[in-house]
Amino acid sequence: MKEITRKSWENMINLSLDEPFFLYLETPLCGTCKMGKRMLEVALETINTQKDRNVQVGICNINEMPELAEKYGITSVPCLLILSRGIAVKRVYALQSAGNIYQTMIKSLEKEV
């Protein structure tokens, strides 16, 4: 996962032009965010290994880029935002498990194939 900053944001939008881009929004002191991040890491590793893909995932501290919350209608963290062609196509707030995240990501990737 790549840390997203204001400088790298435009590059991340460009990555969503060809396939879905997954952006994990968090705050550093949020315990639920830390747990969600770990579940996302497990799901991502599984996808990249089993599907032989290099799925693009960014991570962003929403405190440092509050304009993203406004632009994409983020109401709470953690949030897994799925972007396609620069547009938010899905927001996942209840991450529940690594398996749930895996299924959500696979469904998004299959829509793009």
PDB file of N, CA and C in Angstrom:
ATOM      1  N   MET A   1       0.846  -1.174   0.000  1.00  0.00           N
ATOM      2  CA  MET A   1       0.000   0.000   0.000  1.00  0.00           C
ATOM      3  C   MET A   1       0.888   1.232   0.000  1.00  0.00           C
ATOM      4  N   LYS A   2       0.447   2.194  -0.750  1.00  0.00           N
ATOM      5  CA  LYS A   2       1.228   3.417  -0.895  1.00  0.00           C
ATOM      6  C   LYS A   2       0.554   4.569  -0.159  1.00  0.00           C
ATOM      7  N   GLU A   3       1.358   5.302   0.605  1.00  0.00           N
ATOM      8  CA  GLU A   3       0.861   6.480   1.317  1.00  0.00           C
ATOM      9  C   GLU A   3       0.495   7.566   0.298  1.00  0.00           C
ATOM     10  N   ILE A   4      -0.705   8.081   0.412  1.00  0.00           N
ATOM     11  CA  ILE A   4      -1.187   9.112  -0.513  1.00  0.00           C
ATOM     12  C   ILE A   4      -1.056  10.475   0.150  1.00  0.00           C
ATOM     13  N   THR A   5      -0.431  11.388  -0.568  1.00  0.00           N
ATOM     14  CA  THR A   5      -0.281  12.766  -0.110  1.00  0.00           C
ATOM     15  C   THR A   5      -0.873  13.685  -1.174  1.00  0.00           C
ATOM     16  N   ARG A   6      -0.915  14.947  -0.885  1.00  0.00           N
ATOM     17  CA  ARG A   6      -1.429  15.906  -1.880  1.00  0.00           C
ATOM     18  C   ARG A   6      -0.609  15.851  -3.167  1.00  0.00           C
ATOM     19  N   LYS A   7       0.708  15.663  -3.025  1.00  0.00           N
ATOM     20  CA  LYS A   7       1.582  15.620  -4.197  1.00  0.00           C
ATOM     21  C   LYS A   7       1.324  14.385  -5.058  1.00  0.00           C
ATOM     22  N   SER A   8       1.026  13.259  -4.421  1.00  0.00           N
ATOM     23  CA  SER A   8       0.844  12.019  -5.182  1.00  0.00           C
ATOM     24  C   SER A   8      -0.609  11.762  -5.590  1.00  0.00           C
ATOM     25  N   TRP A   9      -1.536  12.596  -5.149  1.00  0.00           N
ATOM     26  CA  TRP A   9      -2.955  12.347  -5.393  1.00  0.00           C
ATOM     27  C   TRP A   9      -3.295  12.279  -6.878  1.00  0.00           C
ATOM     28  N   GLU A  10      -2.815  13.196  -7.674  1.00  0.00           N
ATOM     29  CA  GLU A  10      -3.140  13.204  -9.106  1.00  0.00           C
ATOM     30  C   GLU A  10      -2.671  11.916  -9.786  1.00  0.00           C
ATOM     31  N   ASN A  11      -1.519  11.406  -9.394  1.00  0.00           N
ATOM     32  CA  ASN A  11      -1.039  10.142  -9.958  1.00  0.00           C
ATOM     33  C   ASN A  11      -1.977   9.000  -9.613  1.00  0.00           C
ATOM     34  N   MET A  12      -2.524   9.022  -8.414  1.00  0.00           N
ATOM     35  CA  MET A  12      -3.436   7.960  -7.991  1.00  0.00           C
ATOM     36  C   MET A  12      -4.739   8.015  -8.792  1.00  0.00           C
ATOM     37  N   ILE A  13      -5.224   9.206  -9.077  1.00  0.00           N
ATOM     38  CA  ILE A  13      -6.431   9.354  -9.894  1.00  0.00           C
ATOM     39  C   ILE A  13      -6.172   8.771 -11.283  1.00  0.00           C
ATOM     40  N   ASN A  14      -5.003   9.037 -11.834  1.00  0.00           N
ATOM     41  CA  ASN A  14      -4.663   8.506 -13.155  1.00  0.00           C
ATOM     42  C   ASN A  14      -4.623   6.978 -13.158  1.00  0.00           C
ATOM     43  N   LEU A  15      -4.219   6.373 -12.044  1.00  0.00           N
ATOM     44  CA  LEU A  15      -4.194   4.912 -11.958  1.00  0.00           C
ATOM     45  C   LEU A  15      -5.604   4.329 -12.046  1.00  0.00           C
ATOM     46  N   SER A  16      -6.602   5.088 -11.630  1.00  0.00           N
ATOM     47  CA  SER A  16      -7.978   4.576 -11.644  1.00  0.00           C
ATOM     48  C   SER A  16      -8.604   4.648 -13.033  1.00  0.00           C
ATOM     49  N   LEU A  17      -7.882   5.162 -14.006  1.00  0.00           N
ATOM     50  CA  LEU A  17      -8.426   5.243 -15.358  1.00  0.00           C
ATOM     51  C   LEU A  17      -8.466   3.884 -16.036  1.00  0.00           C
ATOM     52  N   ASP A  18      -7.513   3.012 -15.710  1.00  0.00           N
ATOM     53  CA  ASP A  18      -7.416   1.710 -16.359  1.00  0.00           C
ATOM     54  C   ASP A  18      -8.063   0.573 -15.566  1.00  0.00           C
ATOM     55  N   GLU A  19      -8.001   0.656 -14.253  1.00  0.00           N
ATOM     56  CA  GLU A  19      -8.609  -0.361 -13.400  1.00  0.00           C
ATOM     57  C   GLU A  19      -8.973   0.290 -12.067  1.00  0.00           C
ATOM     58  N   PRO A  20      -9.800  -0.370 -11.276  1.00  0.00           N
ATOM     59  CA  PRO A  20     -10.194   0.237  -9.999  1.00  0.00           C
ATOM     60  C   PRO A  20      -8.982   0.545  -9.122  1.00  0.00           C
ATOM     61  N   PHE A  21      -9.085   1.648  -8.440  1.00  0.00           N
ATOM     62  CA  PHE A  21      -8.066   2.033  -7.463  1.00  0.00           C
ATOM     63  C   PHE A  21      -8.734   2.022  -6.102  1.00  0.00           C
ATOM     64  N   PHE A  22      -8.107   1.357  -5.146  1.00  0.00           N
ATOM     65  CA  PHE A  22      -8.650   1.234  -3.806  1.00  0.00           C
ATOM     66  C   PHE A  22      -7.914   2.202  -2.892  1.00  0.00           C
ATOM     67  N   LEU A  23      -8.677   3.029  -2.199  1.00  0.00           N
ATOM     68  CA  LEU A  23      -8.095   4.010  -1.284  1.00  0.00           C
ATOM     69  C   LEU A  23      -8.651   3.771   0.108  1.00  0.00           C
ATOM     70  N   TYR A  24      -7.758   3.497   1.052  1.00  0.00           N
ATOM     71  CA  TYR A  24      -8.138   3.266   2.434  1.00  0.00           C
ATOM     72  C   TYR A  24      -7.966   4.557   3.196  1.00  0.00           C
ATOM     73  N   LEU A  25      -9.053   5.063   3.748  1.00  0.00           N
ATOM     74  CA  LEU A  25      -9.040   6.303   4.504  1.00  0.00           C
ATOM     75  C   LEU A  25      -9.099   5.988   5.988  1.00  0.00           C
ATOM     76  N   GLU A  26      -8.220   6.615   6.751  1.00  0.00           N
ATOM     77  CA  GLU A  26      -8.104   6.330   8.174  1.00  0.00           C
ATOM     78  C   GLU A  26      -7.666   7.569   8.934  1.00  0.00           C
ATOM     79  N   THR A  27      -7.635   7.434  10.250  1.00  0.00           N
ATOM     80  CA  THR A  27      -6.968   8.397  11.110  1.00  0.00           C
ATOM     81  C   THR A  27      -5.985   7.606  11.968  1.00  0.00           C
ATOM     82  N   PRO A  28      -4.858   8.195  12.321  1.00  0.00           N
ATOM     83  CA  PRO A  28      -3.788   7.432  12.968  1.00  0.00           C
ATOM     84  C   PRO A  28      -4.120   6.880  14.359  1.00  0.00           C
ATOM     85  N   LEU A  29      -4.995   7.508  15.104  1.00  0.00           N
ATOM     86  CA  LEU A  29      -5.273   7.061  16.464  1.00  0.00           C
ATOM     87  C   LEU A  29      -6.505   6.166  16.567  1.00  0.00           C
ATOM     88  N   CYS A  30      -7.098   5.835  15.459  1.00  0.00           N
ATOM     89  CA  CYS A  30      -8.322   5.031  15.429  1.00  0.00           C
ATOM     90  C   CYS A  30      -7.975   3.541  15.498  1.00  0.00           C
ATOM     91  N   GLY A  31      -8.395   2.872  16.569  1.00  0.00           N
ATOM     92  CA  GLY A  31      -8.131   1.449  16.719  1.00  0.00           C
ATOM     93  C   GLY A  31      -8.822   0.615  15.659  1.00  0.00           C
ATOM     94  N   THR A  32     -10.045   0.974  15.318  1.00  0.00           N
ATOM     95  CA  THR A  32     -10.785   0.255  14.279  1.00  0.00           C
ATOM     96  C   THR A  32     -10.095   0.418  12.928  1.00  0.00           C
ATOM     97  N   CYS A  33      -9.509   1.590  12.700  1.00  0.00           N
ATOM     98  CA  CYS A  33      -8.780   1.826  11.451  1.00  0.00           C
ATOM     99  C   CYS A  33      -7.551   0.921  11.358  1.00  0.00           C
ATOM    100  N   LYS A  34      -6.853   0.754  12.477  1.00  0.00           N
ATOM    101  CA  LYS A  34      -5.666  -0.106  12.489  1.00  0.00           C
ATOM    102  C   LYS A  34      -6.050  -1.550  12.194  1.00  0.00           C
ATOM    103  N   MET A  35      -7.143  -1.996  12.783  1.00  0.00           N
ATOM    104  CA  MET A  35      -7.606  -3.361  12.544  1.00  0.00           C
ATOM    105  C   MET A  35      -8.052  -3.514  11.084  1.00  0.00           C
ATOM    106  N   GLY A  36      -8.770  -2.520  10.564  1.00  0.00           N
ATOM    107  CA  GLY A  36      -9.212  -2.551   9.173  1.00  0.00           C
ATOM    108  C   GLY A  36      -8.038  -2.561   8.208  1.00  0.00           C
ATOM    109  N   LYS A  37      -7.011  -1.797   8.534  1.00  0.00           N
ATOM    110  CA  LYS A  37      -5.816  -1.746   7.681  1.00  0.00           C
ATOM    111  C   LYS A  37      -5.156  -3.116   7.611  1.00  0.00           C
ATOM    112  N   ARG A  38      -5.077  -3.792   8.742  1.00  0.00           N
ATOM    113  CA  ARG A  38      -4.468  -5.128   8.751  1.00  0.00           C
ATOM    114  C   ARG A  38      -5.296  -6.109   7.922  1.00  0.00           C
ATOM    115  N   MET A  39      -6.632  -6.030   8.043  1.00  0.00           N
ATOM    116  CA  MET A  39      -7.494  -6.908   7.247  1.00  0.00           C
ATOM    117  C   MET A  39      -7.322  -6.605   5.755  1.00  0.00           C
ATOM    118  N   LEU A  40      -7.191  -5.332   5.406  1.00  0.00           N
ATOM    119  CA  LEU A  40      -6.977  -4.948   4.017  1.00  0.00           C
ATOM    120  C   LEU A  40      -5.647  -5.497   3.508  1.00  0.00           C
ATOM    121  N   GLU A  41      -4.615  -5.437   4.330  1.00  0.00           N
ATOM    122  CA  GLU A  41      -3.308  -5.984   3.933  1.00  0.00           C
ATOM    123  C   GLU A  41      -3.401  -7.480   3.634  1.00  0.00           C
ATOM    124  N   VAL A  42      -4.137  -8.218   4.471  1.00  0.00           N
ATOM    125  CA  VAL A  42      -4.303  -9.660   4.258  1.00  0.00           C
ATOM    126  C   VAL A  42      -5.066  -9.919   2.957  1.00  0.00           C
ATOM    127  N   ALA A  43      -6.163  -9.182   2.737  1.00  0.00           N
ATOM    128  CA  ALA A  43      -6.951  -9.344   1.510  1.00  0.00           C
ATOM    129  C   ALA A  43      -6.116  -9.015   0.282  1.00  0.00           C
ATOM    130  N   LEU A  44      -5.353  -7.943   0.350  1.00  0.00           N
ATOM    131  CA  LEU A  44      -4.518  -7.521  -0.776  1.00  0.00           C
ATOM    132  C   LEU A  44      -3.441  -8.553  -1.082  1.00  0.00           C
ATOM    133  N   GLU A  45      -2.798  -9.057  -0.054  1.00  0.00           N
ATOM    134  CA  GLU A  45      -1.760 -10.075  -0.256  1.00  0.00           C
ATOM    135  C   GLU A  45      -2.363 -11.328  -0.895  1.00  0.00           C
ATOM    136  N   THR A  46      -3.550 -11.704  -0.463  1.00  0.00           N
ATOM    137  CA  THR A  46      -4.222 -12.877  -1.012  1.00  0.00           C
ATOM    138  C   THR A  46      -4.553 -12.677  -2.489  1.00  0.00           C
ATOM    139  N   ILE A  47      -5.096 -11.511  -2.824  1.00  0.00           N
ATOM    140  CA  ILE A  47      -5.432 -11.225  -4.228  1.00  0.00           C
ATOM    141  C   ILE A  47      -4.177 -11.233  -5.089  1.00  0.00           C
ATOM    142  N   ASN A  48      -3.154 -10.543  -4.642  1.00  0.00           N
ATOM    143  CA  ASN A  48      -1.930 -10.449  -5.438  1.00  0.00           C
ATOM    144  C   ASN A  48      -1.268 -11.807  -5.632  1.00  0.00           C
ATOM    145  N   THR A  49      -1.391 -12.689  -4.645  1.00  0.00           N
ATOM    146  CA  THR A  49      -0.801 -14.024  -4.737  1.00  0.00           C
ATOM    147  C   THR A  49      -1.676 -14.967  -5.556  1.00  0.00           C
ATOM    148  N   GLN A  50      -2.933 -15.078  -5.195  1.00  0.00           N
ATOM    149  CA  GLN A  50      -3.830 -16.037  -5.856  1.00  0.00           C
ATOM    150  C   GLN A  50      -4.185 -15.636  -7.277  1.00  0.00           C
ATOM    151  N   LYS A  51      -4.366 -14.367  -7.517  1.00  0.00           N
ATOM    152  CA  LYS A  51      -4.804 -13.901  -8.835  1.00  0.00           C
ATOM    153  C   LYS A  51      -3.649 -13.391  -9.687  1.00  0.00           C
ATOM    154  N   ASP A  52      -2.432 -13.425  -9.138  1.00  0.00           N
ATOM    155  CA  ASP A  52      -1.238 -12.967  -9.850  1.00  0.00           C
ATOM    156  C   ASP A  52      -1.451 -11.556 -10.415  1.00  0.00           C
ATOM    157  N   ARG A  53      -1.873 -10.664  -9.542  1.00  0.00           N
ATOM    158  CA  ARG A  53      -2.134  -9.274  -9.920  1.00  0.00           C
ATOM    159  C   ARG A  53      -1.353  -8.351  -9.013  1.00  0.00           C
ATOM    160  N   ASN A  54      -1.192  -7.150  -9.469  1.00  0.00           N
ATOM    161  CA  ASN A  54      -0.601  -6.105  -8.651  1.00  0.00           C
ATOM    162  C   ASN A  54      -1.664  -5.023  -8.463  1.00  0.00           C
ATOM    163  N   VAL A  55      -2.562  -5.265  -7.531  1.00  0.00           N
ATOM    164  CA  VAL A  55      -3.679  -4.360  -7.290  1.00  0.00           C
ATOM    165  C   VAL A  55      -3.168  -3.080  -6.640  1.00  0.00           C
ATOM    166  N   GLN A  56      -3.657  -1.953  -7.125  1.00  0.00           N
ATOM    167  CA  GLN A  56      -3.242  -0.654  -6.626  1.00  0.00           C
ATOM    168  C   GLN A  56      -4.088  -0.251  -5.415  1.00  0.00           C
ATOM    169  N   VAL A  57      -3.408  -0.027  -4.291  1.00  0.00           N
ATOM    170  CA  VAL A  57      -4.086   0.395  -3.067  1.00  0.00           C
ATOM    171  C   VAL A  57      -3.298   1.543  -2.454  1.00  0.00           C
ATOM    172  N   GLY A  58      -4.016   2.582  -2.104  1.00  0.00           N
ATOM    173  CA  GLY A  58      -3.413   3.711  -1.418  1.00  0.00           C
ATOM    174  C   GLY A  58      -3.995   3.833  -0.021  1.00  0.00           C
ATOM    175  N   ILE A  59      -3.269   4.498   0.836  1.00  0.00           N
ATOM    176  CA  ILE A  59      -3.739   4.736   2.198  1.00  0.00           C
ATOM    177  C   ILE A  59      -3.583   6.214   2.491  1.00  0.00           C
ATOM    178  N   CYS A  60      -4.596   6.781   3.129  1.00  0.00           N
ATOM    179  CA  CYS A  60      -4.580   8.226   3.347  1.00  0.00           C
ATOM    180  C   CYS A  60      -5.080   8.558   4.752  1.00  0.00           C
ATOM    181  N   ASN A  61      -4.344   9.402   5.428  1.00  0.00           N
ATOM    182  CA  ASN A  61      -4.777   9.954   6.704  1.00  0.00           C
ATOM    183  C   ASN A  61      -5.749  11.086   6.376  1.00  0.00           C
ATOM    184  N   ILE A  62      -7.016  10.868   6.660  1.00  0.00           N
ATOM    185  CA  ILE A  62      -8.046  11.835   6.289  1.00  0.00           C
ATOM    186  C   ILE A  62      -7.869  13.164   7.027  1.00  0.00           C
ATOM    187  N   ASN A  63      -7.158  13.155   8.165  1.00  0.00           N
ATOM    188  CA  ASN A  63      -6.883  14.399   8.885  1.00  0.00           C
ATOM    189  C   ASN A  63      -5.973  15.317   8.074  1.00  0.00           C
ATOM    190  N   GLU A  64      -5.110  14.725   7.248  1.00  0.00           N
ATOM    191  CA  GLU A  64      -4.176  15.511   6.442  1.00  0.00           C
ATOM    192  C   GLU A  64      -4.781  15.947   5.108  1.00  0.00           C
ATOM    193  N   MET A  65      -5.842  15.274   4.667  1.00  0.00           N
ATOM    194  CA  MET A  65      -6.493  15.628   3.403  1.00  0.00           C
ATOM    195  C   MET A  65      -8.019  15.622   3.564  1.00  0.00           C
ATOM    196  N   PRO A  66      -8.548  16.510   4.404  1.00  0.00           N
ATOM    197  CA  PRO A  66      -9.993  16.522   4.657  1.00  0.00           C
ATOM    198  C   PRO A  66     -10.820  16.832   3.408  1.00  0.00           C
ATOM    199  N   GLU A  67     -10.196  17.414   2.402  1.00  0.00           N
ATOM    200  CA  GLU A  67     -10.923  17.701   1.162  1.00  0.00           C
ATOM    201  C   GLU A  67     -11.394  16.421   0.472  1.00  0.00           C
ATOM    202  N   LEU A  68     -10.701  15.306   0.705  1.00  0.00           N
ATOM    203  CA  LEU A  68     -11.140  14.027   0.132  1.00  0.00           C
ATOM    204  C   LEU A  68     -12.469  13.582   0.735  1.00  0.00           C
ATOM    205  N   ALA A  69     -12.617  13.788   2.031  1.00  0.00           N
ATOM    206  CA  ALA A  69     -13.873  13.426   2.694  1.00  0.00           C
ATOM    207  C   ALA A  69     -15.019  14.218   2.095  1.00  0.00           C
ATOM    208  N   GLU A  70     -14.796  15.482   1.855  1.00  0.00           N
ATOM    209  CA  GLU A  70     -15.840  16.331   1.268  1.00  0.00           C
ATOM    210  C   GLU A  70     -16.110  15.938  -0.183  1.00  0.00           C
ATOM    211  N   LYS A  71     -15.060  15.768  -0.963  1.00  0.00           N
ATOM    212  CA  LYS A  71     -15.214  15.466  -2.384  1.00  0.00           C
ATOM    213  C   LYS A  71     -15.937  14.143  -2.624  1.00  0.00           C
ATOM    214  N   TYR A  72     -15.616  13.122  -1.826  1.00  0.00           N
ATOM    215  CA  TYR A  72     -16.164  11.787  -2.047  1.00  0.00           C
ATOM    216  C   TYR A  72     -17.273  11.403  -1.075  1.00  0.00           C
ATOM    217  N   GLY A  73     -17.702  12.338  -0.247  1.00  0.00           N
ATOM    218  CA  GLY A  73     -18.822  12.074   0.649  1.00  0.00           C
ATOM    219  C   GLY A  73     -18.514  11.055   1.727  1.00  0.00           C
ATOM    220  N   ILE A  74     -17.299  11.077   2.249  1.00  0.00           N
ATOM    221  CA  ILE A  74     -16.898  10.137   3.302  1.00  0.00           C
ATOM    222  C   ILE A  74     -17.479  10.633   4.624  1.00  0.00           C
ATOM    223  N   THR A  75     -18.221   9.751   5.302  1.00  0.00           N
ATOM    224  CA  THR A  75     -18.881  10.143   6.542  1.00  0.00           C
ATOM    225  C   THR A  75     -18.186   9.632   7.795  1.00  0.00           C
ATOM    226  N   SER A  76     -17.346   8.603   7.667  1.00  0.00           N
ATOM    227  CA  SER A  76     -16.613   8.087   8.824  1.00  0.00           C
ATOM    228  C   SER A  76     -15.425   7.256   8.343  1.00  0.00           C
ATOM    229  N   VAL A  77     -14.543   6.973   9.274  1.00  0.00           N
ATOM    230  CA  VAL A  77     -13.406   6.103   8.992  1.00  0.00           C
ATOM    231  C   VAL A  77     -13.454   4.939   9.955  1.00  0.00           C
ATOM    232  N   PRO A  78     -12.904   3.803   9.589  1.00  0.00           N
ATOM    233  CA  PRO A  78     -12.224   3.548   8.325  1.00  0.00           C
ATOM    234  C   PRO A  78     -13.208   3.455   7.168  1.00  0.00           C
ATOM    235  N   CYS A  79     -12.683   3.746   5.991  1.00  0.00           N
ATOM    236  CA  CYS A  79     -13.482   3.644   4.770  1.00  0.00           C
ATOM    237  C   CYS A  79     -12.587   3.148   3.638  1.00  0.00           C
ATOM    238  N   LEU A  80     -13.061   2.150   2.945  1.00  0.00           N
ATOM    239  CA  LEU A  80     -12.392   1.689   1.730  1.00  0.00           C
ATOM    240  C   LEU A  80     -13.157   2.293   0.567  1.00  0.00           C
ATOM    241  N   LEU A  81     -12.514   3.206  -0.121  1.00  0.00           N
ATOM    242  CA  LEU A  81     -13.113   3.917  -1.243  1.00  0.00           C
ATOM    243  C   LEU A  81     -12.627   3.267  -2.532  1.00  0.00           C
ATOM    244  N   ILE A  82     -13.561   2.922  -3.397  1.00  0.00           N
ATOM    245  CA  ILE A  82     -13.201   2.303  -4.669  1.00  0.00           C
ATOM    246  C   ILE A  82     -13.446   3.324  -5.772  1.00  0.00           C
ATOM    247  N   LEU A  83     -12.371   3.676  -6.466  1.00  0.00           N
ATOM    248  CA  LEU A  83     -12.430   4.669  -7.534  1.00  0.00           C
ATOM    249  C   LEU A  83     -12.291   3.992  -8.890  1.00  0.00           C
ATOM    250  N   SER A  84     -13.095   4.435  -9.821  1.00  0.00           N
ATOM    251  CA  SER A  84     -12.987   3.992 -11.201  1.00  0.00           C
ATOM    252  C   SER A  84     -13.092   5.224 -12.084  1.00  0.00           C
ATOM    253  N   ARG A  85     -12.050   5.448 -12.866  1.00  0.00           N
ATOM    254  CA  ARG A  85     -11.984   6.623 -13.726  1.00  0.00           C
ATOM    255  C   ARG A  85     -12.135   7.927 -12.936  1.00  0.00           C
ATOM    256  N   GLY A  86     -11.583   7.911 -11.714  1.00  0.00           N
ATOM    257  CA  GLY A  86     -11.605   9.091 -10.858  1.00  0.00           C
ATOM    258  C   GLY A  86     -12.903   9.313 -10.109  1.00  0.00           C
ATOM    259  N   ILE A  87     -13.873   8.429 -10.299  1.00  0.00           N
ATOM    260  CA  ILE A  87     -15.174   8.576  -9.659  1.00  0.00           C
ATOM    261  C   ILE A  87     -15.319   7.517  -8.571  1.00  0.00           C
ATOM    262  N   ALA A  88     -15.854   7.925  -7.419  1.00  0.00           N
ATOM    263  CA  ALA A  88     -16.107   6.969  -6.333  1.00  0.00           C
ATOM    264  C   ALA A  88     -17.282   6.091  -6.725  1.00  0.00           C
ATOM    265  N   VAL A  89     -17.031   4.799  -6.909  1.00  0.00           N
ATOM    266  CA  VAL A  89     -18.101   3.870  -7.281  1.00  0.00           C
ATOM    267  C   VAL A  89     -18.613   3.085  -6.081  1.00  0.00           C
ATOM    268  N   LYS A  90     -17.828   3.078  -5.002  1.00  0.00           N
ATOM    269  CA  LYS A  90     -18.277   2.359  -3.809  1.00  0.00           C
ATOM    270  C   LYS A  90     -17.509   2.869  -2.597  1.00  0.00           C
ATOM    271  N   ARG A  91     -18.223   2.926  -1.467  1.00  0.00           N
ATOM    272  CA  ARG A  91     -17.630   3.259  -0.176  1.00  0.00           C
ATOM    273  C   ARG A  91     -17.979   2.120   0.768  1.00  0.00           C
ATOM    274  N   VAL A  92     -16.968   1.529   1.378  1.00  0.00           N
ATOM    275  CA  VAL A  92     -17.195   0.423   2.308  1.00  0.00           C
ATOM    276  C   VAL A  92     -16.759   0.893   3.698  1.00  0.00           C
ATOM    277  N   TYR A  93     -17.731   0.984   4.610  1.00  0.00           N
ATOM    278  CA  TYR A  93     -17.443   1.413   5.982  1.00  0.00           C
ATOM    279  C   TYR A  93     -17.343   0.226   6.928  1.00  0.00           C
ATOM    280  N   ALA A  94     -18.197  -0.757   6.771  1.00  0.00           N
ATOM    281  CA  ALA A  94     -18.191  -1.939   7.640  1.00  0.00           C
ATOM    282  C   ALA A  94     -17.297  -2.994   6.998  1.00  0.00           C
ATOM    283  N   LEU A  95     -16.012  -2.955   7.329  1.00  0.00           N
ATOM    284  CA  LEU A  95     -15.053  -3.844   6.682  1.00  0.00           C
ATOM    285  C   LEU A  95     -15.231  -5.291   7.129  1.00  0.00           C
ATOM    286  N   GLN A  96     -15.680  -5.534   8.327  1.00  0.00           N
ATOM    287  CA  GLN A  96     -16.063  -6.832   8.880  1.00  0.00           C
ATOM    288  C   GLN A  96     -14.926  -7.840   8.961  1.00  0.00           C
ATOM    289  N   SER A  97     -14.326  -8.222   7.845  1.00  0.00           N
ATOM    290  CA  SER A  97     -13.282  -9.250   7.856  1.00  0.00           C
ATOM    291  C   SER A  97     -12.413  -9.126   6.613  1.00  0.00           C
ATOM    292  N   ALA A  98     -11.257  -9.792   6.652  1.00  0.00           N
ATOM    293  CA  ALA A  98     -10.380  -9.823   5.480  1.00  0.00           C
ATOM    294  C   ALA A  98     -11.099 -10.495   4.313  1.00  0.00           C
ATOM    295  N   GLY A  99     -11.891 -11.522   4.602  1.00  0.00           N
ATOM    296  CA  GLY A  99     -12.651 -12.218   3.557  1.00  0.00           C
ATOM    297  C   GLY A  99     -13.671 -11.316   2.894  1.00  0.00           C
ATOM    298  N   ASN A 100     -14.333 -10.490   3.673  1.00  0.00           N
ATOM    299  CA  ASN A 100     -15.312  -9.546   3.131  1.00  0.00           C
ATOM    300  C   ASN A 100     -14.620  -8.516   2.227  1.00  0.00           C
ATOM    301  N   ILE A 101     -13.491  -8.016   2.672  1.00  0.00           N
ATOM    302  CA  ILE A 101     -12.731  -7.050   1.875  1.00  0.00           C
ATOM    303  C   ILE A 101     -12.258  -7.708   0.583  1.00  0.00           C
ATOM    304  N   TYR A 102     -11.756  -8.932   0.688  1.00  0.00           N
ATOM    305  CA  TYR A 102     -11.308  -9.700  -0.473  1.00  0.00           C
ATOM    306  C   TYR A 102     -12.439  -9.806  -1.503  1.00  0.00           C
ATOM    307  N   GLN A 103     -13.621 -10.220  -1.066  1.00  0.00           N
ATOM    308  CA  GLN A 103     -14.758 -10.380  -1.976  1.00  0.00           C
ATOM    309  C   GLN A 103     -15.146  -9.054  -2.625  1.00  0.00           C
ATOM    310  N   THR A 104     -15.154  -7.984  -1.856  1.00  0.00           N
ATOM    311  CA  THR A 104     -15.485  -6.656  -2.389  1.00  0.00           C
ATOM    312  C   THR A 104     -14.485  -6.239  -3.452  1.00  0.00           C
ATOM    313  N   MET A 105     -13.214  -6.461  -3.187  1.00  0.00           N
ATOM    314  CA  MET A 105     -12.173  -6.078  -4.135  1.00  0.00           C
ATOM    315  C   MET A 105     -12.247  -6.930  -5.402  1.00  0.00           C
ATOM    316  N   ILE A 106     -12.448  -8.237  -5.248  1.00  0.00           N
ATOM    317  CA  ILE A 106     -12.535  -9.131  -6.410  1.00  0.00           C
ATOM    318  C   ILE A 106     -13.714  -8.727  -7.287  1.00  0.00           C
ATOM    319  N   LYS A 107     -14.851  -8.451  -6.693  1.00  0.00           N
ATOM    320  CA  LYS A 107     -16.038  -8.045  -7.480  1.00  0.00           C
ATOM    321  C   LYS A 107     -15.758  -6.764  -8.252  1.00  0.00           C
ATOM    322  N   SER A 108     -15.074  -5.822  -7.639  1.00  0.00           N
ATOM    323  CA  SER A 108     -14.736  -4.571  -8.321  1.00  0.00           C
ATOM    324  C   SER A 108     -13.763  -4.801  -9.464  1.00  0.00           C
ATOM    325  N   LEU A 109     -12.793  -5.669  -9.242  1.00  0.00           N
ATOM    326  CA  LEU A 109     -11.814  -5.964 -10.290  1.00  0.00           C
ATOM    327  C   LEU A 109     -12.440  -6.719 -11.447  1.00  0.00           C
ATOM    328  N   GLU A 110     -13.362  -7.625 -11.174  1.00  0.00           N
ATOM    329  CA  GLU A 110     -14.017  -8.396 -12.233  1.00  0.00           C
ATOM    330  C   GLU A 110     -14.911  -7.531 -13.109  1.00  0.00           C
ATOM    331  N   LYS A 111     -15.483  -6.489 -12.550  1.00  0.00           N
ATOM    332  CA  LYS A 111     -16.329  -5.574 -13.335  1.00  0.00           C
ATOM    333  C   LYS A 111     -15.512  -4.852 -14.393  1.00  0.00           C
ATOM    334  N   GLU A 112     -14.240  -4.678 -14.128  1.00  0.00           N
ATOM    335  CA  GLU A 112     -13.374  -3.928 -15.029  1.00  0.00           C
ATOM    336  C   GLU A 112     -12.790  -4.798 -16.134  1.00  0.00           C
ATOM    337  N   VAL A 113     -12.873  -6.112 -15.997  1.00  0.00           N
ATOM    338  CA  VAL A 113     -12.245  -7.014 -16.969  1.00  0.00           C
ATOM    339  C   VAL A 113     -13.045  -7.040 -18.262  1.00  0.00           C
TER     340      VAL A 113
END
